[in-house]
Each structure stands twice: as C-alpha cells, then as structure tokens.
Amino acid sequence: PDKATELILYCGGGYRSALVAANLQ
C-alpha cells in the first residue's frame, strides 16, 4: 500500500517487468 516502497520487478528477461514498471509508475 505504501507507494514510496522501493520495488524491483523481474520477469524472464526484463521485457515484461519493464511494461509493469511503467504501469506501476
């Protein structure tokens, strides 16, 4: 719930996690 929490996302190779990172931002 704390939107200041640091999040490190990973997928298989870094593509899907990039898309998710943009959405979470």
mmCIF file of all heavy atoms, coordinates in Angstrom:
data_MODEL
# 
_entry.id   MODEL 
# 
loop_
_atom_site.group_PDB 
_atom_site.id 
_atom_site.type_symbol 
_atom_site.label_atom_id 
_atom_site.label_alt_id 
_atom_site.label_comp_id 
_atom_site.label_asym_id 
_atom_site.label_entity_id 
_atom_site.label_seq_id 
_atom_site.pdbx_PDB_ins_code 
_atom_site.Cartn_x 
_atom_site.Cartn_y 
_atom_site.Cartn_z 
_atom_site.occupancy 
_atom_site.B_iso_or_equiv 
_atom_site.pdbx_formal_charge 
_atom_site.auth_seq_id 
_atom_site.auth_comp_id 
_atom_site.auth_asym_id 
_atom_site.auth_atom_id 
_atom_site.pdbx_PDB_model_num 
ATOM 1   N N   . PRO A 1 1  ? 0.792  -1.231  0.000   1.00 0.00 ? 1  PRO A N   1 
ATOM 2   C CA  . PRO A 1 1  ? 0.000  0.000   0.000   1.00 0.00 ? 1  PRO A CA  1 
ATOM 3   C C   . PRO A 1 1  ? 0.828  1.289   0.000   1.00 0.00 ? 1  PRO A C   1 
ATOM 4   O O   . PRO A 1 1  ? 0.364  2.318   -0.498  1.00 0.00 ? 1  PRO A O   1 
ATOM 5   C CB  . PRO A 1 1  ? -0.838 -0.109  1.276   1.00 0.00 ? 1  PRO A CB  1 
ATOM 6   C CG  . PRO A 1 1  ? -0.157 -1.129  2.119   1.00 0.00 ? 1  PRO A CG  1 
ATOM 7   C CD  . PRO A 1 1  ? 0.602  -2.024  1.209   1.00 0.00 ? 1  PRO A CD  1 
ATOM 8   N N   . ASP A 1 2  ? 2.044  1.239   0.533   1.00 0.00 ? 2  ASP A N   1 
ATOM 9   C CA  . ASP A 1 2  ? 2.899  2.425   0.584   1.00 0.00 ? 2  ASP A CA  1 
ATOM 10  C C   . ASP A 1 2  ? 3.568  2.629   -0.769  1.00 0.00 ? 2  ASP A C   1 
ATOM 11  O O   . ASP A 1 2  ? 4.462  1.884   -1.151  1.00 0.00 ? 2  ASP A O   1 
ATOM 12  C CB  . ASP A 1 2  ? 3.945  2.273   1.677   1.00 0.00 ? 2  ASP A CB  1 
ATOM 13  C CG  . ASP A 1 2  ? 4.847  3.487   1.824   1.00 0.00 ? 2  ASP A CG  1 
ATOM 14  O OD1 . ASP A 1 2  ? 4.701  4.464   1.058   1.00 0.00 ? 2  ASP A OD1 1 
ATOM 15  O OD2 . ASP A 1 2  ? 5.708  3.451   2.724   1.00 0.00 ? 2  ASP A OD2 1 
ATOM 16  N N   . LYS A 1 3  ? 3.143  3.647   -1.478  1.00 0.00 ? 3  LYS A N   1 
ATOM 17  C CA  . LYS A 1 3  ? 3.638  3.875   -2.832  1.00 0.00 ? 3  LYS A CA  1 
ATOM 18  C C   . LYS A 1 3  ? 5.064  4.429   -2.866  1.00 0.00 ? 3  LYS A C   1 
ATOM 19  O O   . LYS A 1 3  ? 5.625  4.599   -3.940  1.00 0.00 ? 3  LYS A O   1 
ATOM 20  C CB  . LYS A 1 3  ? 2.663  4.759   -3.600  1.00 0.00 ? 3  LYS A CB  1 
ATOM 21  C CG  . LYS A 1 3  ? 1.359  4.036   -3.848  1.00 0.00 ? 3  LYS A CG  1 
ATOM 22  C CD  . LYS A 1 3  ? 0.388  4.822   -4.667  1.00 0.00 ? 3  LYS A CD  1 
ATOM 23  C CE  . LYS A 1 3  ? -0.865 3.980   -4.893  1.00 0.00 ? 3  LYS A CE  1 
ATOM 24  N NZ  . LYS A 1 3  ? -1.855 4.675   -5.681  1.00 0.00 ? 3  LYS A NZ  1 
ATOM 25  N N   . ALA A 1 4  ? 5.653  4.652   -1.701  1.00 0.00 ? 4  ALA A N   1 
ATOM 26  C CA  . ALA A 1 4  ? 7.056  5.057   -1.626  1.00 0.00 ? 4  ALA A CA  1 
ATOM 27  C C   . ALA A 1 4  ? 7.976  3.846   -1.436  1.00 0.00 ? 4  ALA A C   1 
ATOM 28  O O   . ALA A 1 4  ? 9.204  3.999   -1.428  1.00 0.00 ? 4  ALA A O   1 
ATOM 29  C CB  . ALA A 1 4  ? 7.265  6.056   -0.494  1.00 0.00 ? 4  ALA A CB  1 
ATOM 30  N N   . THR A 1 5  ? 7.403  2.661   -1.300  1.00 0.00 ? 5  THR A N   1 
ATOM 31  C CA  . THR A 1 5  ? 8.198  1.443   -1.156  1.00 0.00 ? 5  THR A CA  1 
ATOM 32  C C   . THR A 1 5  ? 8.980  1.184   -2.436  1.00 0.00 ? 5  THR A C   1 
ATOM 33  O O   . THR A 1 5  ? 8.437  1.289   -3.530  1.00 0.00 ? 5  THR A O   1 
ATOM 34  C CB  . THR A 1 5  ? 7.282  0.235   -0.860  1.00 0.00 ? 5  THR A CB  1 
ATOM 35  O OG1 . THR A 1 5  ? 6.552  0.497   0.338   1.00 0.00 ? 5  THR A OG1 1 
ATOM 36  C CG2 . THR A 1 5  ? 8.085  -1.057  -0.713  1.00 0.00 ? 5  THR A CG2 1 
ATOM 37  N N   . GLU A 1 6  ? 10.249 0.840   -2.282  1.00 0.00 ? 6  GLU A N   1 
ATOM 38  C CA  . GLU A 1 6  ? 11.061 0.529   -3.451  1.00 0.00 ? 6  GLU A CA  1 
ATOM 39  C C   . GLU A 1 6  ? 10.706 -0.865  -3.954  1.00 0.00 ? 6  GLU A C   1 
ATOM 40  O O   . GLU A 1 6  ? 10.679 -1.832  -3.189  1.00 0.00 ? 6  GLU A O   1 
ATOM 41  C CB  . GLU A 1 6  ? 12.548 0.592   -3.095  1.00 0.00 ? 6  GLU A CB  1 
ATOM 42  C CG  . GLU A 1 6  ? 13.438 0.412   -4.289  1.00 0.00 ? 6  GLU A CG  1 
ATOM 43  C CD  . GLU A 1 6  ? 14.896 0.718   -3.987  1.00 0.00 ? 6  GLU A CD  1 
ATOM 44  O OE1 . GLU A 1 6  ? 15.181 1.525   -3.082  1.00 0.00 ? 6  GLU A OE1 1 
ATOM 45  O OE2 . GLU A 1 6  ? 15.754 0.136   -4.677  1.00 0.00 ? 6  GLU A OE2 1 
ATOM 46  N N   . LEU A 1 7  ? 10.425 -0.955  -5.258  1.00 0.00 ? 7  LEU A N   1 
ATOM 47  C CA  . LEU A 1 7  ? 10.038 -2.207  -5.898  1.00 0.00 ? 7  LEU A CA  1 
ATOM 48  C C   . LEU A 1 7  ? 11.035 -2.560  -6.990  1.00 0.00 ? 7  LEU A C   1 
ATOM 49  O O   . LEU A 1 7  ? 11.327 -1.728  -7.852  1.00 0.00 ? 7  LEU A O   1 
ATOM 50  C CB  . LEU A 1 7  ? 8.647  -2.073  -6.534  1.00 0.00 ? 7  LEU A CB  1 
ATOM 51  C CG  . LEU A 1 7  ? 7.516  -1.535  -5.659  1.00 0.00 ? 7  LEU A CG  1 
ATOM 52  C CD1 . LEU A 1 7  ? 6.261  -1.342  -6.490  1.00 0.00 ? 7  LEU A CD1 1 
ATOM 53  C CD2 . LEU A 1 7  ? 7.265  -2.462  -4.482  1.00 0.00 ? 7  LEU A CD2 1 
ATOM 54  N N   . ILE A 1 8  ? 11.545 -3.776  -6.953  1.00 0.00 ? 8  ILE A N   1 
ATOM 55  C CA  . ILE A 1 8  ? 12.396 -4.285  -8.031  1.00 0.00 ? 8  ILE A CA  1 
ATOM 56  C C   . ILE A 1 8  ? 11.627 -5.435  -8.674  1.00 0.00 ? 8  ILE A C   1 
ATOM 57  O O   . ILE A 1 8  ? 11.339 -6.438  -8.026  1.00 0.00 ? 8  ILE A O   1 
ATOM 58  C CB  . ILE A 1 8  ? 13.760 -4.762  -7.509  1.00 0.00 ? 8  ILE A CB  1 
ATOM 59  C CG1 . ILE A 1 8  ? 14.499 -3.609  -6.841  1.00 0.00 ? 8  ILE A CG1 1 
ATOM 60  C CG2 . ILE A 1 8  ? 14.587 -5.352  -8.660  1.00 0.00 ? 8  ILE A CG2 1 
ATOM 61  C CD1 . ILE A 1 8  ? 15.798 -4.009  -6.145  1.00 0.00 ? 8  ILE A CD1 1 
ATOM 62  N N   . LEU A 1 9  ? 11.274 -5.256  -9.935  1.00 0.00 ? 9  LEU A N   1 
ATOM 63  C CA  . LEU A 1 9  ? 10.458 -6.218  -10.663 1.00 0.00 ? 9  LEU A CA  1 
ATOM 64  C C   . LEU A 1 9  ? 11.333 -7.067  -11.573 1.00 0.00 ? 9  LEU A C   1 
ATOM 65  O O   . LEU A 1 9  ? 12.269 -6.547  -12.179 1.00 0.00 ? 9  LEU A O   1 
ATOM 66  C CB  . LEU A 1 9  ? 9.437  -5.480  -11.524 1.00 0.00 ? 9  LEU A CB  1 
ATOM 67  C CG  . LEU A 1 9  ? 8.635  -4.372  -10.854 1.00 0.00 ? 9  LEU A CG  1 
ATOM 68  C CD1 . LEU A 1 9  ? 7.830  -3.610  -11.893 1.00 0.00 ? 9  LEU A CD1 1 
ATOM 69  C CD2 . LEU A 1 9  ? 7.733  -4.941  -9.774  1.00 0.00 ? 9  LEU A CD2 1 
ATOM 70  N N   . TYR A 1 10 ? 11.000 -8.344  -11.682 1.00 0.00 ? 10 TYR A N   1 
ATOM 71  C CA  . TYR A 1 10 ? 11.711 -9.171  -12.659 1.00 0.00 ? 10 TYR A CA  1 
ATOM 72  C C   . TYR A 1 10 ? 10.749 -10.121 -13.356 1.00 0.00 ? 10 TYR A C   1 
ATOM 73  O O   . TYR A 1 10 ? 9.718  -10.507 -12.820 1.00 0.00 ? 10 TYR A O   1 
ATOM 74  C CB  . TYR A 1 10 ? 12.889 -9.923  -12.044 1.00 0.00 ? 10 TYR A CB  1 
ATOM 75  C CG  . TYR A 1 10 ? 12.541 -11.106 -11.171 1.00 0.00 ? 10 TYR A CG  1 
ATOM 76  C CD1 . TYR A 1 10 ? 12.378 -12.382 -11.725 1.00 0.00 ? 10 TYR A CD1 1 
ATOM 77  C CD2 . TYR A 1 10 ? 12.403 -10.977 -9.797  1.00 0.00 ? 10 TYR A CD2 1 
ATOM 78  C CE1 . TYR A 1 10 ? 12.087 -13.476 -10.927 1.00 0.00 ? 10 TYR A CE1 1 
ATOM 79  C CE2 . TYR A 1 10 ? 12.112 -12.071 -8.994  1.00 0.00 ? 10 TYR A CE2 1 
ATOM 80  C CZ  . TYR A 1 10 ? 11.951 -13.309 -9.567  1.00 0.00 ? 10 TYR A CZ  1 
ATOM 81  O OH  . TYR A 1 10 ? 11.656 -14.396 -8.767  1.00 0.00 ? 10 TYR A OH  1 
ATOM 82  N N   . CYS A 1 11 ? 11.116 -10.450 -14.575 1.00 0.00 ? 11 CYS A N   1 
ATOM 83  C CA  . CYS A 1 11 ? 10.405 -11.449 -15.375 1.00 0.00 ? 11 CYS A CA  1 
ATOM 84  C C   . CYS A 1 11 ? 11.470 -12.399 -15.904 1.00 0.00 ? 11 CYS A C   1 
ATOM 85  O O   . CYS A 1 11 ? 12.495 -12.582 -15.262 1.00 0.00 ? 11 CYS A O   1 
ATOM 86  C CB  . CYS A 1 11 ? 9.594  -10.782 -16.490 1.00 0.00 ? 11 CYS A CB  1 
ATOM 87  S SG  . CYS A 1 11 ? 10.604 -9.815  -17.637 1.00 0.00 ? 11 CYS A SG  1 
ATOM 88  N N   . GLY A 1 12 ? 11.262 -12.975 -17.067 1.00 0.00 ? 12 GLY A N   1 
ATOM 89  C CA  . GLY A 1 12 ? 12.247 -13.896 -17.611 1.00 0.00 ? 12 GLY A CA  1 
ATOM 90  C C   . GLY A 1 12 ? 13.490 -13.213 -18.122 1.00 0.00 ? 12 GLY A C   1 
ATOM 91  O O   . GLY A 1 12 ? 14.614 -13.635 -17.861 1.00 0.00 ? 12 GLY A O   1 
ATOM 92  N N   . GLY A 1 13 ? 13.303 -12.108 -18.856 1.00 0.00 ? 13 GLY A N   1 
ATOM 93  C CA  . GLY A 1 13 ? 14.441 -11.435 -19.471 1.00 0.00 ? 13 GLY A CA  1 
ATOM 94  C C   . GLY A 1 13 ? 14.463 -9.930  -19.339 1.00 0.00 ? 13 GLY A C   1 
ATOM 95  O O   . GLY A 1 13 ? 15.368 -9.281  -19.845 1.00 0.00 ? 13 GLY A O   1 
ATOM 96  N N   . GLY A 1 14 ? 13.460 -9.356  -18.700 1.00 0.00 ? 14 GLY A N   1 
ATOM 97  C CA  . GLY A 1 14 ? 13.446 -7.909  -18.479 1.00 0.00 ? 14 GLY A CA  1 
ATOM 98  C C   . GLY A 1 14 ? 12.465 -7.133  -19.336 1.00 0.00 ? 14 GLY A C   1 
ATOM 99  O O   . GLY A 1 14 ? 12.399 -5.913  -19.236 1.00 0.00 ? 14 GLY A O   1 
ATOM 100 N N   . TYR A 1 15 ? 11.690 -7.824  -20.155 1.00 0.00 ? 15 TYR A N   1 
ATOM 101 C CA  . TYR A 1 15 ? 10.739 -7.129  -21.025 1.00 0.00 ? 15 TYR A CA  1 
ATOM 102 C C   . TYR A 1 15 ? 9.397  -6.892  -20.327 1.00 0.00 ? 15 TYR A C   1 
ATOM 103 O O   . TYR A 1 15 ? 8.912  -5.763  -20.248 1.00 0.00 ? 15 TYR A O   1 
ATOM 104 C CB  . TYR A 1 15 ? 10.507 -7.932  -22.313 1.00 0.00 ? 15 TYR A CB  1 
ATOM 105 C CG  . TYR A 1 15 ? 11.743 -8.110  -23.146 1.00 0.00 ? 15 TYR A CG  1 
ATOM 106 C CD1 . TYR A 1 15 ? 12.291 -9.375  -23.334 1.00 0.00 ? 15 TYR A CD1 1 
ATOM 107 C CD2 . TYR A 1 15 ? 12.369 -7.031  -23.752 1.00 0.00 ? 15 TYR A CD2 1 
ATOM 108 C CE1 . TYR A 1 15 ? 13.432 -9.550  -24.103 1.00 0.00 ? 15 TYR A CE1 1 
ATOM 109 C CE2 . TYR A 1 15 ? 13.509 -7.203  -24.521 1.00 0.00 ? 15 TYR A CE2 1 
ATOM 110 C CZ  . TYR A 1 15 ? 14.030 -8.464  -24.695 1.00 0.00 ? 15 TYR A CZ  1 
ATOM 111 O OH  . TYR A 1 15 ? 15.150 -8.636  -25.453 1.00 0.00 ? 15 TYR A OH  1 
ATOM 112 N N   . ARG A 1 16 ? 8.792  -7.956  -19.821 1.00 0.00 ? 16 ARG A N   1 
ATOM 113 C CA  . ARG A 1 16 ? 7.505  -7.809  -19.139 1.00 0.00 ? 16 ARG A CA  1 
ATOM 114 C C   . ARG A 1 16 ? 7.631  -6.929  -17.909 1.00 0.00 ? 16 ARG A C   1 
ATOM 115 O O   . ARG A 1 16 ? 6.734  -6.133  -17.610 1.00 0.00 ? 16 ARG A O   1 
ATOM 116 C CB  . ARG A 1 16 ? 6.943  -9.183  -18.752 1.00 0.00 ? 16 ARG A CB  1 
ATOM 117 C CG  . ARG A 1 16 ? 6.518  -10.017 -19.943 1.00 0.00 ? 16 ARG A CG  1 
ATOM 118 C CD  . ARG A 1 16 ? 6.136  -11.422 -19.550 1.00 0.00 ? 16 ARG A CD  1 
ATOM 119 N NE  . ARG A 1 16 ? 7.332  -12.191 -19.193 1.00 0.00 ? 16 ARG A NE  1 
ATOM 120 C CZ  . ARG A 1 16 ? 7.318  -13.426 -18.711 1.00 0.00 ? 16 ARG A CZ  1 
ATOM 121 N NH1 . ARG A 1 16 ? 6.172  -14.051 -18.505 1.00 0.00 ? 16 ARG A NH1 1 
ATOM 122 N NH2 . ARG A 1 16 ? 8.455  -14.058 -18.437 1.00 0.00 ? 16 ARG A NH2 1 
ATOM 123 N N   . SER A 1 17 ? 8.736  -7.049  -17.191 1.00 0.00 ? 17 SER A N   1 
ATOM 124 C CA  . SER A 1 17 ? 8.916  -6.225  -15.988 1.00 0.00 ? 17 SER A CA  1 
ATOM 125 C C   . SER A 1 17 ? 9.025  -4.749  -16.347 1.00 0.00 ? 17 SER A C   1 
ATOM 126 O O   . SER A 1 17 ? 8.606  -3.887  -15.576 1.00 0.00 ? 17 SER A O   1 
ATOM 127 C CB  . SER A 1 17 ? 10.120 -6.685  -15.179 1.00 0.00 ? 17 SER A CB  1 
ATOM 128 O OG  . SER A 1 17 ? 11.308 -6.630  -15.929 1.00 0.00 ? 17 SER A OG  1 
ATOM 129 N N   . ALA A 1 18 ? 9.554  -4.437  -17.511 1.00 0.00 ? 18 ALA A N   1 
ATOM 130 C CA  . ALA A 1 18 ? 9.611  -3.033  -17.961 1.00 0.00 ? 18 ALA A CA  1 
ATOM 131 C C   . ALA A 1 18 ? 8.202  -2.502  -18.182 1.00 0.00 ? 18 ALA A C   1 
ATOM 132 O O   . ALA A 1 18 ? 7.881  -1.367  -17.778 1.00 0.00 ? 18 ALA A O   1 
ATOM 133 C CB  . ALA A 1 18 ? 10.434 -2.916  -19.240 1.00 0.00 ? 18 ALA A CB  1 
ATOM 134 N N   . LEU A 1 19 ? 7.340  -3.306  -18.789 1.00 0.00 ? 19 LEU A N   1 
ATOM 135 C CA  . LEU A 1 19 ? 5.958  -2.883  -19.021 1.00 0.00 ? 19 LEU A CA  1 
ATOM 136 C C   . LEU A 1 19 ? 5.219  -2.692  -17.697 1.00 0.00 ? 19 LEU A C   1 
ATOM 137 O O   . LEU A 1 19 ? 4.495  -1.713  -17.513 1.00 0.00 ? 19 LEU A O   1 
ATOM 138 C CB  . LEU A 1 19 ? 5.233  -3.895  -19.902 1.00 0.00 ? 19 LEU A CB  1 
ATOM 139 C CG  . LEU A 1 19 ? 5.782  -4.055  -21.317 1.00 0.00 ? 19 LEU A CG  1 
ATOM 140 C CD1 . LEU A 1 19 ? 5.094  -5.211  -22.026 1.00 0.00 ? 19 LEU A CD1 1 
ATOM 141 C CD2 . LEU A 1 19 ? 5.647  -2.768  -22.114 1.00 0.00 ? 19 LEU A CD2 1 
ATOM 142 N N   . VAL A 1 20 ? 5.428  -3.607  -16.763 1.00 0.00 ? 20 VAL A N   1 
ATOM 143 C CA  . VAL A 1 20 ? 4.794  -3.492  -15.452 1.00 0.00 ? 20 VAL A CA  1 
ATOM 144 C C   . VAL A 1 20 ? 5.313  -2.257  -14.717 1.00 0.00 ? 20 VAL A C   1 
ATOM 145 O O   . VAL A 1 20 ? 4.541  -1.531  -14.090 1.00 0.00 ? 20 VAL A O   1 
ATOM 146 C CB  . VAL A 1 20 ? 5.008  -4.767  -14.607 1.00 0.00 ? 20 VAL A CB  1 
ATOM 147 C CG1 . VAL A 1 20 ? 4.506  -4.563  -13.182 1.00 0.00 ? 20 VAL A CG1 1 
ATOM 148 C CG2 . VAL A 1 20 ? 4.319  -5.960  -15.247 1.00 0.00 ? 20 VAL A CG2 1 
ATOM 149 N N   . ALA A 1 21 ? 6.603  -2.001  -14.797 1.00 0.00 ? 21 ALA A N   1 
ATOM 150 C CA  . ALA A 1 21 ? 7.181  -0.829  -14.124 1.00 0.00 ? 21 ALA A CA  1 
ATOM 151 C C   . ALA A 1 21 ? 6.508  0.448   -14.603 1.00 0.00 ? 21 ALA A C   1 
ATOM 152 O O   . ALA A 1 21 ? 6.179  1.330   -13.797 1.00 0.00 ? 21 ALA A O   1 
ATOM 153 C CB  . ALA A 1 21 ? 8.689  -0.767  -14.366 1.00 0.00 ? 21 ALA A CB  1 
ATOM 154 N N   . ALA A 1 22 ? 6.292  0.559   -15.892 1.00 0.00 ? 22 ALA A N   1 
ATOM 155 C CA  . ALA A 1 22 ? 5.630  1.751   -16.435 1.00 0.00 ? 22 ALA A CA  1 
ATOM 156 C C   . ALA A 1 22 ? 4.215  1.878   -15.885 1.00 0.00 ? 22 ALA A C   1 
ATOM 157 O O   . ALA A 1 22 ? 3.784  2.973   -15.492 1.00 0.00 ? 22 ALA A O   1 
ATOM 158 C CB  . ALA A 1 22 ? 5.616  1.699   -17.959 1.00 0.00 ? 22 ALA A CB  1 
ATOM 159 N N   . ASN A 1 23 ? 3.491  0.773   -15.815 1.00 0.00 ? 23 ASN A N   1 
ATOM 160 C CA  . ASN A 1 23 ? 2.128  0.812   -15.290 1.00 0.00 ? 23 ASN A CA  1 
ATOM 161 C C   . ASN A 1 23 ? 2.099  1.196   -13.817 1.00 0.00 ? 23 ASN A C   1 
ATOM 162 O O   . ASN A 1 23 ? 1.255  1.988   -13.389 1.00 0.00 ? 23 ASN A O   1 
ATOM 163 C CB  . ASN A 1 23 ? 1.436  -0.536  -15.487 1.00 0.00 ? 23 ASN A CB  1 
ATOM 164 C CG  . ASN A 1 23 ? 1.038  -0.772  -16.917 1.00 0.00 ? 23 ASN A CG  1 
ATOM 165 O OD1 . ASN A 1 23 ? 0.968  0.145   -17.724 1.00 0.00 ? 23 ASN A OD1 1 
ATOM 166 N ND2 . ASN A 1 23 ? 0.776  -2.026  -17.250 1.00 0.00 ? 23 ASN A ND2 1 
ATOM 167 N N   . LEU A 1 24 ? 3.014  0.640   -13.020 1.00 0.00 ? 24 LEU A N   1 
ATOM 168 C CA  . LEU A 1 24 ? 3.026  0.959   -11.589 1.00 0.00 ? 24 LEU A CA  1 
ATOM 169 C C   . LEU A 1 24 ? 3.399  2.422   -11.359 1.00 0.00 ? 24 LEU A C   1 
ATOM 170 O O   . LEU A 1 24 ? 2.865  3.056   -10.441 1.00 0.00 ? 24 LEU A O   1 
ATOM 171 C CB  . LEU A 1 24 ? 3.960  0.025   -10.835 1.00 0.00 ? 24 LEU A CB  1 
ATOM 172 C CG  . LEU A 1 24 ? 3.551  -1.456  -10.828 1.00 0.00 ? 24 LEU A CG  1 
ATOM 173 C CD1 . LEU A 1 24 ? 4.487  -2.258  -9.932  1.00 0.00 ? 24 LEU A CD1 1 
ATOM 174 C CD2 . LEU A 1 24 ? 2.109  -1.644  -10.415 1.00 0.00 ? 24 LEU A CD2 1 
ATOM 175 N N   . GLN A 1 25 ? 4.256  2.952   -12.175 1.00 0.00 ? 25 GLN A N   1 
ATOM 176 C CA  . GLN A 1 25 ? 4.571  4.387   -12.079 1.00 0.00 ? 25 GLN A CA  1 
ATOM 177 C C   . GLN A 1 25 ? 3.316  5.208   -12.357 1.00 0.00 ? 25 GLN A C   1 
ATOM 178 O O   . GLN A 1 25 ? 3.048  6.189   -11.656 1.00 0.00 ? 25 GLN A O   1 
ATOM 179 C CB  . GLN A 1 25 ? 5.682  4.765   -13.058 1.00 0.00 ? 25 GLN A CB  1 
ATOM 180 C CG  . GLN A 1 25 ? 7.038  4.292   -12.618 1.00 0.00 ? 25 GLN A CG  1 
ATOM 181 C CD  . GLN A 1 25 ? 8.138  4.599   -13.618 1.00 0.00 ? 25 GLN A CD  1 
ATOM 182 O OE1 . GLN A 1 25 ? 9.287  4.366   -13.319 1.00 0.00 ? 25 GLN A OE1 1 
ATOM 183 N NE2 . GLN A 1 25 ? 7.833  5.099   -14.795 1.00 0.00 ? 25 GLN A NE2 1 
# 
